[in-house]
Amino acid sequence: MLIAGRAVSLEAGIELAARSLDSGAARQVLEDLVTRTNAPAEAEAAG
C-alpha cells in the first residue's frame, strides 16, 4: 500500500490492508485477477 502510494506511512498501509481483508475487498480483487488471468486459457481450451 505504501509503495503504491495508497498510504502515507507503513502504519497507515497496514491499517488499510487490514480493512481490505476484513471487508472482503482484497478477496474480490484476487478473484477478479484469477478470472481475468484464466479467461484466455479457458477460451483456448474451448476452441
PDB file of N, CA and C in Angstrom:
ATOM      1  N   MET A   1       0.821  -1.182   0.000  1.00  0.00           N
ATOM      2  CA  MET A   1       0.000   0.000   0.000  1.00  0.00           C
ATOM      3  C   MET A   1       0.871   1.254   0.000  1.00  0.00           C
ATOM      4  N   LEU A   2       1.949   1.186   0.721  1.00  0.00           N
ATOM      5  CA  LEU A   2       2.845   2.339   0.810  1.00  0.00           C
ATOM      6  C   LEU A   2       3.522   2.589  -0.536  1.00  0.00           C
ATOM      7  N   ILE A   3       4.071   1.555  -1.132  1.00  0.00           N
ATOM      8  CA  ILE A   3       4.766   1.694  -2.413  1.00  0.00           C
ATOM      9  C   ILE A   3       3.803   2.126  -3.514  1.00  0.00           C
ATOM     10  N   ALA A   4       2.585   1.648  -3.467  1.00  0.00           N
ATOM     11  CA  ALA A   4       1.586   2.011  -4.479  1.00  0.00           C
ATOM     12  C   ALA A   4       1.057   3.429  -4.288  1.00  0.00           C
ATOM     13  N   GLY A   5       1.446   4.070  -3.196  1.00  0.00           N
ATOM     14  CA  GLY A   5       1.000   5.436  -2.951  1.00  0.00           C
ATOM     15  C   GLY A   5      -0.393   5.536  -2.353  1.00  0.00           C
ATOM     16  N   ARG A   6      -0.912   4.423  -1.872  1.00  0.00           N
ATOM     17  CA  ARG A   6      -2.253   4.434  -1.289  1.00  0.00           C
ATOM     18  C   ARG A   6      -2.224   4.736   0.201  1.00  0.00           C
ATOM     19  N   ALA A   7      -1.023   4.732   0.801  1.00  0.00           N
ATOM     20  CA  ALA A   7      -0.882   5.043   2.222  1.00  0.00           C
ATOM     21  C   ALA A   7       0.311   5.974   2.403  1.00  0.00           C
ATOM     22  N   VAL A   8       0.216   6.852   3.389  1.00  0.00           N
ATOM     23  CA  VAL A   8       1.275   7.834   3.626  1.00  0.00           C
ATOM     24  C   VAL A   8       2.368   7.324   4.565  1.00  0.00           C
ATOM     25  N   SER A   9       2.100   6.208   5.249  1.00  0.00           N
ATOM     26  CA  SER A   9       3.092   5.636   6.161  1.00  0.00           C
ATOM     27  C   SER A   9       2.890   4.124   6.208  1.00  0.00           C
ATOM     28  N   LEU A  10       3.883   3.433   6.747  1.00  0.00           N
ATOM     29  CA  LEU A  10       3.780   1.983   6.884  1.00  0.00           C
ATOM     30  C   LEU A  10       2.599   1.614   7.778  1.00  0.00           C
ATOM     31  N   GLU A  11       2.433   2.340   8.856  1.00  0.00           N
ATOM     32  CA  GLU A  11       1.326   2.065   9.780  1.00  0.00           C
ATOM     33  C   GLU A  11      -0.024   2.242   9.089  1.00  0.00           C
ATOM     34  N   ALA A  12      -0.151   3.310   8.303  1.00  0.00           N
ATOM     35  CA  ALA A  12      -1.401   3.545   7.573  1.00  0.00           C
ATOM     36  C   ALA A  12      -1.625   2.451   6.538  1.00  0.00           C
ATOM     37  N   GLY A  13      -0.552   1.984   5.914  1.00  0.00           N
ATOM     38  CA  GLY A  13      -0.662   0.902   4.937  1.00  0.00           C
ATOM     39  C   GLY A  13      -1.125  -0.396   5.566  1.00  0.00           C
ATOM     40  N   ILE A  14      -0.611  -0.687   6.742  1.00  0.00           N
ATOM     41  CA  ILE A  14      -1.023  -1.894   7.461  1.00  0.00           C
ATOM     42  C   ILE A  14      -2.499  -1.807   7.829  1.00  0.00           C
ATOM     43  N   GLU A  15      -2.920  -0.650   8.300  1.00  0.00           N
ATOM     44  CA  GLU A  15      -4.329  -0.475   8.663  1.00  0.00           C
ATOM     45  C   GLU A  15      -5.233  -0.600   7.432  1.00  0.00           C
ATOM     46  N   LEU A  16      -4.821   0.000   6.328  1.00  0.00           N
ATOM     47  CA  LEU A  16      -5.597  -0.082   5.095  1.00  0.00           C
ATOM     48  C   LEU A  16      -5.683  -1.527   4.598  1.00  0.00           C
ATOM     49  N   ALA A  17      -4.574  -2.239   4.659  1.00  0.00           N
ATOM     50  CA  ALA A  17      -4.562  -3.641   4.246  1.00  0.00           C
ATOM     51  C   ALA A  17      -5.478  -4.480   5.140  1.00  0.00           C
ATOM     52  N   ALA A  18      -5.434  -4.235   6.436  1.00  0.00           N
ATOM     53  CA  ALA A  18      -6.288  -4.979   7.366  1.00  0.00           C
ATOM     54  C   ALA A  18      -7.759  -4.725   7.073  1.00  0.00           C
ATOM     55  N   ARG A  19      -8.111  -3.469   6.796  1.00  0.00           N
ATOM     56  CA  ARG A  19      -9.506  -3.162   6.465  1.00  0.00           C
ATOM     57  C   ARG A  19      -9.922  -3.830   5.160  1.00  0.00           C
ATOM     58  N   SER A  20      -9.014  -3.881   4.190  1.00  0.00           N
ATOM     59  CA  SER A  20      -9.321  -4.534   2.913  1.00  0.00           C
ATOM     60  C   SER A  20      -9.585  -6.021   3.112  1.00  0.00           C
ATOM     61  N   LEU A  21      -8.806  -6.637   3.976  1.00  0.00           N
ATOM     62  CA  LEU A  21      -9.011  -8.055   4.273  1.00  0.00           C
ATOM     63  C   LEU A  21     -10.318  -8.273   5.032  1.00  0.00           C
ATOM     64  N   ASP A  22     -10.556  -7.462   6.053  1.00  0.00           N
ATOM     65  CA  ASP A  22     -11.759  -7.609   6.872  1.00  0.00           C
ATOM     66  C   ASP A  22     -13.041  -7.382   6.078  1.00  0.00           C
ATOM     67  N   SER A  23     -13.010  -6.454   5.146  1.00  0.00           N
ATOM     68  CA  SER A  23     -14.219  -6.124   4.381  1.00  0.00           C
ATOM     69  C   SER A  23     -14.485  -7.088   3.231  1.00  0.00           C
ATOM     70  N   GLY A  24     -13.491  -7.882   2.876  1.00  0.00           N
ATOM     71  CA  GLY A  24     -13.649  -8.785   1.740  1.00  0.00           C
ATOM     72  C   GLY A  24     -13.187  -8.172   0.425  1.00  0.00           C
ATOM     73  N   ALA A  25     -12.772  -6.916   0.452  1.00  0.00           N
ATOM     74  CA  ALA A  25     -12.335  -6.245  -0.779  1.00  0.00           C
ATOM     75  C   ALA A  25     -11.098  -6.916  -1.364  1.00  0.00           C
ATOM     76  N   ALA A  26     -10.174  -7.327  -0.521  1.00  0.00           N
ATOM     77  CA  ALA A  26      -8.958  -7.982  -1.010  1.00  0.00           C
ATOM     78  C   ALA A  26      -9.302  -9.300  -1.697  1.00  0.00           C
ATOM     79  N   ARG A  27     -10.236 -10.053  -1.148  1.00  0.00           N
ATOM     80  CA  ARG A  27     -10.650 -11.322  -1.755  1.00  0.00           C
ATOM     81  C   ARG A  27     -11.280 -11.082  -3.123  1.00  0.00           C
ATOM     82  N   GLN A  28     -12.093 -10.052  -3.234  1.00  0.00           N
ATOM     83  CA  GLN A  28     -12.747  -9.751  -4.505  1.00  0.00           C
ATOM     84  C   GLN A  28     -11.722  -9.377  -5.572  1.00  0.00           C
ATOM     85  N   VAL A  29     -10.728  -8.597  -5.200  1.00  0.00           N
ATOM     86  CA  VAL A  29      -9.674  -8.224  -6.148  1.00  0.00           C
ATOM     87  C   VAL A  29      -8.926  -9.473  -6.602  1.00  0.00           C
ATOM     88  N   LEU A  30      -8.624 -10.373  -5.677  1.00  0.00           N
ATOM     89  CA  LEU A  30      -7.936 -11.613  -6.029  1.00  0.00           C
ATOM     90  C   LEU A  30      -8.794 -12.470  -6.952  1.00  0.00           C
ATOM     91  N   GLU A  31     -10.080 -12.605  -6.650  1.00  0.00           N
ATOM     92  CA  GLU A  31     -10.968 -13.395  -7.502  1.00  0.00           C
ATOM     93  C   GLU A  31     -11.075 -12.795  -8.897  1.00  0.00           C
ATOM     94  N   ASP A  32     -11.136 -11.475  -9.005  1.00  0.00           N
ATOM     95  CA  ASP A  32     -11.166 -10.811 -10.311  1.00  0.00           C
ATOM     96  C   ASP A  32      -9.882 -11.080 -11.087  1.00  0.00           C
ATOM     97  N   LEU A  33      -8.746 -11.034 -10.406  1.00  0.00           N
ATOM     98  CA  LEU A  33      -7.464 -11.307 -11.054  1.00  0.00           C
ATOM     99  C   LEU A  33      -7.416 -12.738 -11.573  1.00  0.00           C
ATOM    100  N   VAL A  34      -7.856 -13.687 -10.776  1.00  0.00           N
ATOM    101  CA  VAL A  34      -7.870 -15.087 -11.193  1.00  0.00           C
ATOM    102  C   VAL A  34      -8.770 -15.266 -12.409  1.00  0.00           C
ATOM    103  N   THR A  35      -9.942 -14.655 -12.398  1.00  0.00           N
ATOM    104  CA  THR A  35     -10.870 -14.752 -13.525  1.00  0.00           C
ATOM    105  C   THR A  35     -10.241 -14.192 -14.793  1.00  0.00           C
ATOM    106  N   ARG A  36      -9.629 -13.042 -14.693  1.00  0.00           N
ATOM    107  CA  ARG A  36      -9.018 -12.407 -15.875  1.00  0.00           C
ATOM    108  C   ARG A  36      -7.837 -13.197 -16.403  1.00  0.00           C
ATOM    109  N   THR A  37      -7.014 -13.726 -15.520  1.00  0.00           N
ATOM    110  CA  THR A  37      -5.829 -14.439 -15.985  1.00  0.00           C
ATOM    111  C   THR A  37      -6.167 -15.821 -16.512  1.00  0.00           C
ATOM    112  N   ASN A  38      -7.278 -16.399 -16.080  1.00  0.00           N
ATOM    113  CA  ASN A  38      -7.680 -17.712 -16.577  1.00  0.00           C
ATOM    114  C   ASN A  38      -8.540 -17.631 -17.824  1.00  0.00           C
ATOM    115  N   ALA A  39      -9.107 -16.482 -18.130  1.00  0.00           N
ATOM    116  CA  ALA A  39     -10.011 -16.341 -19.274  1.00  0.00           C
ATOM    117  C   ALA A  39      -9.363 -16.746 -20.592  1.00  0.00           C
ATOM    118  N   PRO A  40      -8.150 -16.300 -20.940  1.00  0.00           N
ATOM    119  CA  PRO A  40      -7.552 -16.722 -22.215  1.00  0.00           C
ATOM    120  C   PRO A  40      -7.322 -18.233 -22.278  1.00  0.00           C
ATOM    121  N   ALA A  41      -6.914 -18.840 -21.183  1.00  0.00           N
ATOM    122  CA  ALA A  41      -6.675 -20.280 -21.165  1.00  0.00           C
ATOM    123  C   ALA A  41      -7.982 -21.047 -21.348  1.00  0.00           C
ATOM    124  N   GLU A  42      -9.053 -20.581 -20.729  1.00  0.00           N
ATOM    125  CA  GLU A  42     -10.344 -21.241 -20.865  1.00  0.00           C
ATOM    126  C   GLU A  42     -10.870 -21.106 -22.286  1.00  0.00           C
ATOM    127  N   ALA A  43     -10.706 -19.951 -22.898  1.00  0.00           N
ATOM    128  CA  ALA A  43     -11.168 -19.738 -24.271  1.00  0.00           C
ATOM    129  C   ALA A  43     -10.382 -20.611 -25.236  1.00  0.00           C
ATOM    130  N   GLU A  44      -9.087 -20.743 -25.021  1.00  0.00           N
ATOM    131  CA  GLU A  44      -8.246 -21.571 -25.881  1.00  0.00           C
ATOM    132  C   GLU A  44      -8.623 -23.045 -25.743  1.00  0.00           C
ATOM    133  N   ALA A  45      -8.911 -23.495 -24.533  1.00  0.00           N
ATOM    134  CA  ALA A  45      -9.279 -24.888 -24.299  1.00  0.00           C
ATOM    135  C   ALA A  45     -10.625 -25.212 -24.942  1.00  0.00           C
ATOM    136  N   ALA A  46     -11.530 -24.246 -24.982  1.00  0.00           N
ATOM    137  CA  ALA A  46     -12.856 -24.465 -25.561  1.00  0.00           C
ATOM    138  C   ALA A  46     -12.818 -24.427 -27.084  1.00  0.00           C
ATOM    139  N   GLY A  47     -11.858 -23.729 -27.644  1.00  0.00           N
ATOM    140  CA  GLY A  47     -11.815 -23.505 -29.086  1.00  0.00           C
ATOM    141  C   GLY A  47     -11.005 -24.498 -29.776  1.00  0.00           C
TER     142      GLY A  47
END
